Amino acid sequence: MQITILTTLTSFVALASAGCYSSGSTFPNRDEALSFVHDACYNNGGMFTGNFAARQSKSMCPRSGNTGLEFVVQNLNTNTGFDLGNGDCYDRLSNEISCDHGGESTISGWFFRARPGTC
């Protein structure tokens, strides 16, 4: 029983890592940042919709006032392309926007970053 729990916990840790940045610019308008991400994840032809080839990274840098907002999504699988679910895309990037200075995470073979002032 203890071995199963440890194995399961170890597998989960390998699938997910996340963190907020501790310095840098902050989001001038979180609602606007969430709107950019919503459009990129849900709209037909949005930046993060459709298939991601193996190891493909997609990024965008919309402006909020005088601040560029860097958003990045990458398929970390080295052999296979995937279509990231719209809801997963939005939820993961929204999590990073909830951090004052943005953040990044790696979850189930996907990398996500939202960071203000870096582009």
N, C-alpha and C. Protein backbone atom coordinates (compact mmCIF):
# COMPACT_ATOMS: atom_id res chain seq x y z
N MET A 1 0.82 -1.19 0.00
CA MET A 1 0.00 0.00 0.00
C MET A 1 0.86 1.25 0.00
N GLN A 2 1.88 1.30 0.85
CA GLN A 2 2.74 2.47 0.92
C GLN A 2 3.51 2.66 -0.39
N ILE A 3 3.93 1.58 -1.01
CA ILE A 3 4.66 1.67 -2.26
C ILE A 3 3.76 2.24 -3.35
N THR A 4 2.51 1.81 -3.41
CA THR A 4 1.57 2.30 -4.40
C THR A 4 1.34 3.80 -4.24
N ILE A 5 1.16 4.26 -3.02
CA ILE A 5 0.94 5.69 -2.76
C ILE A 5 2.16 6.49 -3.17
N LEU A 6 3.34 6.02 -2.81
CA LEU A 6 4.57 6.73 -3.18
C LEU A 6 4.75 6.76 -4.69
N THR A 7 4.49 5.65 -5.36
CA THR A 7 4.61 5.61 -6.81
C THR A 7 3.63 6.57 -7.47
N THR A 8 2.40 6.58 -6.98
CA THR A 8 1.40 7.48 -7.52
C THR A 8 1.79 8.93 -7.30
N LEU A 9 2.26 9.26 -6.10
CA LEU A 9 2.68 10.62 -5.79
C LEU A 9 3.87 11.03 -6.66
N THR A 10 4.83 10.14 -6.82
CA THR A 10 5.99 10.43 -7.66
C THR A 10 5.57 10.66 -9.10
N SER A 11 4.64 9.86 -9.60
CA SER A 11 4.16 10.04 -10.97
C SER A 11 3.46 11.38 -11.13
N PHE A 12 2.67 11.78 -10.14
CA PHE A 12 1.97 13.06 -10.21
C PHE A 12 2.97 14.21 -10.22
N VAL A 13 3.97 14.15 -9.37
CA VAL A 13 4.97 15.22 -9.31
C VAL A 13 5.70 15.34 -10.65
N ALA A 14 5.95 14.23 -11.31
CA ALA A 14 6.63 14.25 -12.60
C ALA A 14 5.74 14.89 -13.67
N LEU A 15 4.42 14.82 -13.50
CA LEU A 15 3.51 15.35 -14.49
C LEU A 15 3.21 16.84 -14.32
N ALA A 16 3.46 17.37 -13.12
CA ALA A 16 3.07 18.75 -12.87
C ALA A 16 4.12 19.50 -12.06
N SER A 17 4.44 20.69 -12.50
CA SER A 17 5.25 21.61 -11.72
C SER A 17 4.78 23.01 -12.07
N ALA A 18 4.76 23.87 -11.09
CA ALA A 18 4.24 25.21 -11.31
C ALA A 18 4.93 26.19 -10.39
N GLY A 19 4.92 27.44 -10.80
CA GLY A 19 5.48 28.45 -9.93
C GLY A 19 5.21 29.85 -10.43
N CYS A 20 5.03 30.74 -9.47
CA CYS A 20 4.87 32.16 -9.76
C CYS A 20 6.23 32.82 -9.78
N TYR A 21 6.41 33.79 -10.65
CA TYR A 21 7.63 34.58 -10.64
C TYR A 21 7.58 35.53 -9.45
N SER A 22 8.72 35.81 -8.87
CA SER A 22 8.77 36.64 -7.66
C SER A 22 9.14 38.10 -7.94
N SER A 23 9.48 38.40 -9.18
CA SER A 23 9.85 39.78 -9.51
C SER A 23 9.49 40.09 -10.95
N GLY A 24 9.67 41.35 -11.32
CA GLY A 24 9.37 41.78 -12.68
C GLY A 24 8.10 42.60 -12.71
N SER A 25 7.64 42.87 -13.91
CA SER A 25 6.42 43.65 -14.10
C SER A 25 5.20 42.90 -13.57
N THR A 26 4.15 43.65 -13.31
CA THR A 26 2.88 43.06 -12.92
C THR A 26 1.86 43.29 -14.04
N PHE A 27 0.77 42.55 -14.01
CA PHE A 27 -0.28 42.71 -15.02
C PHE A 27 -1.00 44.04 -14.79
N PRO A 28 -0.98 44.94 -15.78
CA PRO A 28 -1.66 46.22 -15.61
C PRO A 28 -3.17 46.07 -15.48
N ASN A 29 -3.72 45.03 -16.13
CA ASN A 29 -5.17 44.82 -16.12
C ASN A 29 -5.42 43.32 -16.30
N ARG A 30 -5.67 42.62 -15.20
CA ARG A 30 -5.86 41.17 -15.25
C ARG A 30 -7.06 40.78 -16.11
N ASP A 31 -8.14 41.55 -16.04
CA ASP A 31 -9.32 41.23 -16.85
C ASP A 31 -8.99 41.28 -18.34
N GLU A 32 -8.20 42.26 -18.74
CA GLU A 32 -7.81 42.35 -20.14
C GLU A 32 -6.90 41.17 -20.51
N ALA A 33 -5.99 40.80 -19.62
CA ALA A 33 -5.11 39.65 -19.87
C ALA A 33 -5.94 38.38 -20.04
N LEU A 34 -6.94 38.20 -19.19
CA LEU A 34 -7.81 37.03 -19.30
C LEU A 34 -8.60 37.05 -20.61
N SER A 35 -8.98 38.23 -21.06
CA SER A 35 -9.69 38.35 -22.33
C SER A 35 -8.79 37.95 -23.50
N PHE A 36 -7.53 38.37 -23.48
CA PHE A 36 -6.57 37.97 -24.52
C PHE A 36 -6.44 36.45 -24.57
N VAL A 37 -6.31 35.84 -23.39
CA VAL A 37 -6.14 34.39 -23.30
C VAL A 37 -7.42 33.68 -23.76
N HIS A 38 -8.57 34.19 -23.37
CA HIS A 38 -9.83 33.58 -23.79
C HIS A 38 -9.91 33.54 -25.32
N ASP A 39 -9.62 34.67 -25.95
CA ASP A 39 -9.67 34.72 -27.42
C ASP A 39 -8.66 33.78 -28.05
N ALA A 40 -7.47 33.70 -27.50
CA ALA A 40 -6.42 32.85 -28.06
C ALA A 40 -6.73 31.36 -27.90
N CYS A 41 -7.47 31.01 -26.85
CA CYS A 41 -7.77 29.60 -26.58
C CYS A 41 -9.09 29.12 -27.17
N TYR A 42 -10.06 30.04 -27.34
CA TYR A 42 -11.40 29.63 -27.77
C TYR A 42 -11.79 30.07 -29.17
N ASN A 43 -11.32 31.20 -29.63
CA ASN A 43 -11.79 31.70 -30.93
C ASN A 43 -11.30 30.85 -32.09
N ASN A 44 -12.12 30.72 -33.11
CA ASN A 44 -11.71 30.04 -34.32
C ASN A 44 -10.48 30.74 -34.88
N GLY A 45 -9.40 30.02 -35.06
CA GLY A 45 -8.16 30.62 -35.54
C GLY A 45 -7.38 31.34 -34.46
N GLY A 46 -7.75 31.11 -33.18
CA GLY A 46 -7.01 31.72 -32.07
C GLY A 46 -5.58 31.21 -32.02
N MET A 47 -4.71 31.99 -31.43
CA MET A 47 -3.27 31.67 -31.40
C MET A 47 -2.99 30.27 -30.84
N PHE A 48 -3.74 29.82 -29.85
CA PHE A 48 -3.44 28.54 -29.21
C PHE A 48 -4.42 27.44 -29.56
N THR A 49 -5.25 27.64 -30.58
CA THR A 49 -6.17 26.59 -31.00
C THR A 49 -5.49 25.72 -32.06
N GLY A 50 -6.09 24.58 -32.32
CA GLY A 50 -5.57 23.68 -33.35
C GLY A 50 -4.47 22.78 -32.83
N ASN A 51 -3.88 22.08 -33.75
CA ASN A 51 -2.85 21.09 -33.43
C ASN A 51 -1.51 21.74 -33.11
N PHE A 52 -0.81 21.15 -32.16
CA PHE A 52 0.58 21.50 -31.86
C PHE A 52 1.42 20.31 -32.28
N ALA A 53 2.36 20.50 -33.17
CA ALA A 53 3.28 19.43 -33.57
C ALA A 53 4.15 19.06 -32.37
N ALA A 54 4.83 17.94 -32.47
CA ALA A 54 5.75 17.54 -31.39
C ALA A 54 6.73 18.67 -31.11
N ARG A 55 6.87 19.04 -29.85
CA ARG A 55 7.78 20.09 -29.35
C ARG A 55 7.44 21.50 -29.85
N GLN A 56 6.32 21.67 -30.54
CA GLN A 56 5.97 22.99 -31.05
C GLN A 56 5.57 23.93 -29.93
N SER A 57 6.05 25.15 -30.05
CA SER A 57 5.72 26.22 -29.12
C SER A 57 4.98 27.31 -29.89
N LYS A 58 3.91 27.84 -29.29
CA LYS A 58 3.19 28.97 -29.86
C LYS A 58 3.20 30.08 -28.83
N SER A 59 3.38 31.32 -29.28
CA SER A 59 3.42 32.43 -28.34
C SER A 59 2.74 33.66 -28.94
N MET A 60 2.39 34.57 -28.05
CA MET A 60 1.84 35.85 -28.49
C MET A 60 2.24 36.91 -27.47
N CYS A 61 2.20 38.17 -27.91
CA CYS A 61 2.59 39.27 -27.05
C CYS A 61 1.66 40.47 -27.27
N PRO A 62 0.40 40.36 -26.80
CA PRO A 62 -0.48 41.52 -26.90
C PRO A 62 -0.04 42.60 -25.92
N ARG A 63 -0.46 43.82 -26.15
CA ARG A 63 -0.09 44.94 -25.28
C ARG A 63 -1.27 45.32 -24.40
N SER A 64 -0.94 45.57 -23.15
CA SER A 64 -1.90 46.08 -22.19
C SER A 64 -1.33 47.41 -21.70
N GLY A 65 -1.88 48.50 -22.20
CA GLY A 65 -1.27 49.81 -21.93
C GLY A 65 0.10 49.83 -22.59
N ASN A 66 1.13 50.12 -21.82
CA ASN A 66 2.50 50.15 -22.33
C ASN A 66 3.26 48.86 -22.07
N THR A 67 2.57 47.83 -21.59
CA THR A 67 3.23 46.59 -21.19
C THR A 67 2.89 45.46 -22.15
N GLY A 68 3.91 44.79 -22.66
CA GLY A 68 3.71 43.59 -23.46
C GLY A 68 3.46 42.42 -22.53
N LEU A 69 2.53 41.56 -22.90
CA LEU A 69 2.19 40.38 -22.10
C LEU A 69 2.59 39.14 -22.88
N GLU A 70 3.57 38.44 -22.39
CA GLU A 70 4.04 37.23 -23.06
C GLU A 70 3.21 36.03 -22.62
N PHE A 71 2.64 35.33 -23.60
CA PHE A 71 1.93 34.08 -23.35
C PHE A 71 2.56 33.01 -24.23
N VAL A 72 2.88 31.87 -23.63
CA VAL A 72 3.52 30.77 -24.34
C VAL A 72 2.83 29.46 -23.97
N VAL A 73 2.59 28.64 -24.98
CA VAL A 73 2.11 27.27 -24.78
C VAL A 73 2.97 26.37 -25.64
N GLN A 74 3.46 25.27 -25.05
CA GLN A 74 4.31 24.34 -25.81
C GLN A 74 3.91 22.91 -25.53
N ASN A 75 3.82 22.12 -26.61
CA ASN A 75 3.66 20.67 -26.51
C ASN A 75 5.04 20.10 -26.24
N LEU A 76 5.24 19.46 -25.10
CA LEU A 76 6.55 18.93 -24.75
C LEU A 76 6.79 17.51 -25.27
N ASN A 77 5.79 16.90 -25.88
CA ASN A 77 5.96 15.56 -26.41
C ASN A 77 6.94 15.60 -27.58
N THR A 78 7.90 14.71 -27.58
CA THR A 78 8.94 14.72 -28.61
C THR A 78 8.56 13.92 -29.86
N ASN A 79 7.47 13.16 -29.81
CA ASN A 79 7.13 12.30 -30.95
C ASN A 79 5.78 12.57 -31.59
N THR A 80 4.85 13.16 -30.85
CA THR A 80 3.47 13.23 -31.32
C THR A 80 2.89 14.62 -31.18
N GLY A 81 2.12 15.02 -32.17
CA GLY A 81 1.38 16.27 -32.10
C GLY A 81 0.05 16.05 -31.40
N PHE A 82 -0.45 17.11 -30.76
CA PHE A 82 -1.73 17.04 -30.05
C PHE A 82 -2.49 18.33 -30.24
N ASP A 83 -3.80 18.25 -30.06
CA ASP A 83 -4.66 19.43 -30.02
C ASP A 83 -4.99 19.67 -28.54
N LEU A 84 -4.54 20.77 -28.01
CA LEU A 84 -4.81 21.12 -26.62
C LEU A 84 -6.26 21.55 -26.49
N GLY A 85 -6.97 21.02 -25.51
CA GLY A 85 -8.36 21.40 -25.30
C GLY A 85 -8.48 22.89 -24.97
N ASN A 86 -9.51 23.53 -25.52
CA ASN A 86 -9.69 24.97 -25.30
C ASN A 86 -9.78 25.31 -23.82
N GLY A 87 -10.56 24.53 -23.07
CA GLY A 87 -10.71 24.77 -21.64
C GLY A 87 -9.41 24.58 -20.88
N ASP A 88 -8.64 23.56 -21.25
CA ASP A 88 -7.34 23.34 -20.60
C ASP A 88 -6.40 24.51 -20.86
N CYS A 89 -6.38 24.97 -22.10
CA CYS A 89 -5.56 26.12 -22.47
C CYS A 89 -5.92 27.33 -21.61
N TYR A 90 -7.19 27.66 -21.56
CA TYR A 90 -7.64 28.83 -20.80
C TYR A 90 -7.36 28.68 -19.30
N ASP A 91 -7.71 27.51 -18.75
CA ASP A 91 -7.52 27.30 -17.32
C ASP A 91 -6.06 27.41 -16.91
N ARG A 92 -5.17 26.81 -17.68
CA ARG A 92 -3.74 26.81 -17.32
C ARG A 92 -3.14 28.21 -17.43
N LEU A 93 -3.43 28.92 -18.50
CA LEU A 93 -2.88 30.28 -18.63
C LEU A 93 -3.52 31.23 -17.61
N SER A 94 -4.79 31.02 -17.29
CA SER A 94 -5.44 31.83 -16.26
C SER A 94 -4.76 31.65 -14.91
N ASN A 95 -4.35 30.42 -14.63
CA ASN A 95 -3.62 30.17 -13.38
C ASN A 95 -2.36 31.03 -13.30
N GLU A 96 -1.66 31.16 -14.41
CA GLU A 96 -0.42 31.93 -14.43
C GLU A 96 -0.71 33.43 -14.30
N ILE A 97 -1.84 33.88 -14.84
CA ILE A 97 -2.23 35.29 -14.71
C ILE A 97 -2.57 35.62 -13.26
N SER A 98 -2.99 34.63 -12.50
CA SER A 98 -3.34 34.88 -11.09
C SER A 98 -2.11 35.24 -10.24
N CYS A 99 -0.93 34.96 -10.74
CA CYS A 99 0.31 35.33 -10.05
C CYS A 99 0.61 36.81 -10.33
N ASP A 100 1.04 37.55 -9.32
CA ASP A 100 1.30 39.00 -9.50
C ASP A 100 2.24 39.29 -10.66
N HIS A 101 3.32 38.53 -10.77
CA HIS A 101 4.34 38.77 -11.80
C HIS A 101 4.28 37.72 -12.91
N GLY A 102 3.18 36.99 -12.97
CA GLY A 102 3.06 35.92 -13.93
C GLY A 102 3.69 34.65 -13.39
N GLY A 103 3.66 33.61 -14.19
CA GLY A 103 4.22 32.34 -13.75
C GLY A 103 4.31 31.37 -14.90
N GLU A 104 4.77 30.17 -14.57
CA GLU A 104 4.86 29.11 -15.58
C GLU A 104 4.57 27.78 -14.92
N SER A 105 4.13 26.83 -15.74
CA SER A 105 3.84 25.50 -15.24
C SER A 105 4.06 24.48 -16.35
N THR A 106 4.34 23.27 -15.92
CA THR A 106 4.43 22.13 -16.81
C THR A 106 3.44 21.11 -16.28
N ILE A 107 2.46 20.75 -17.12
CA ILE A 107 1.39 19.86 -16.70
C ILE A 107 1.08 18.88 -17.82
N SER A 108 1.19 17.60 -17.52
CA SER A 108 0.81 16.54 -18.45
C SER A 108 1.37 16.72 -19.85
N GLY A 109 2.64 17.06 -19.93
CA GLY A 109 3.30 17.18 -21.23
C GLY A 109 3.11 18.50 -21.93
N TRP A 110 2.61 19.50 -21.22
CA TRP A 110 2.41 20.84 -21.77
C TRP A 110 3.11 21.87 -20.89
N PHE A 111 3.68 22.89 -21.52
CA PHE A 111 4.31 24.01 -20.82
C PHE A 111 3.47 25.26 -21.05
N PHE A 112 3.25 26.03 -19.99
CA PHE A 112 2.46 27.26 -20.05
C PHE A 112 3.22 28.39 -19.37
N ARG A 113 3.21 29.57 -19.97
CA ARG A 113 3.82 30.75 -19.36
C ARG A 113 2.96 31.98 -19.64
N ALA A 114 2.79 32.80 -18.62
CA ALA A 114 2.18 34.13 -18.77
C ALA A 114 3.08 35.07 -17.98
N ARG A 115 3.64 36.06 -18.66
CA ARG A 115 4.56 36.96 -17.98
C ARG A 115 4.47 38.36 -18.58
N PRO A 116 4.12 39.34 -17.75
CA PRO A 116 4.04 40.72 -18.24
C PRO A 116 5.42 41.36 -18.35
N GLY A 117 5.57 42.23 -19.35
CA GLY A 117 6.78 43.03 -19.46
C GLY A 117 7.99 42.35 -20.04
N THR A 118 7.83 41.20 -20.69
CA THR A 118 9.00 40.46 -21.19
C THR A 118 9.05 40.38 -22.71
N CYS A 119 8.17 41.11 -23.39
CA CYS A 119 8.23 41.08 -24.86
C CYS A 119 7.87 42.44 -25.40
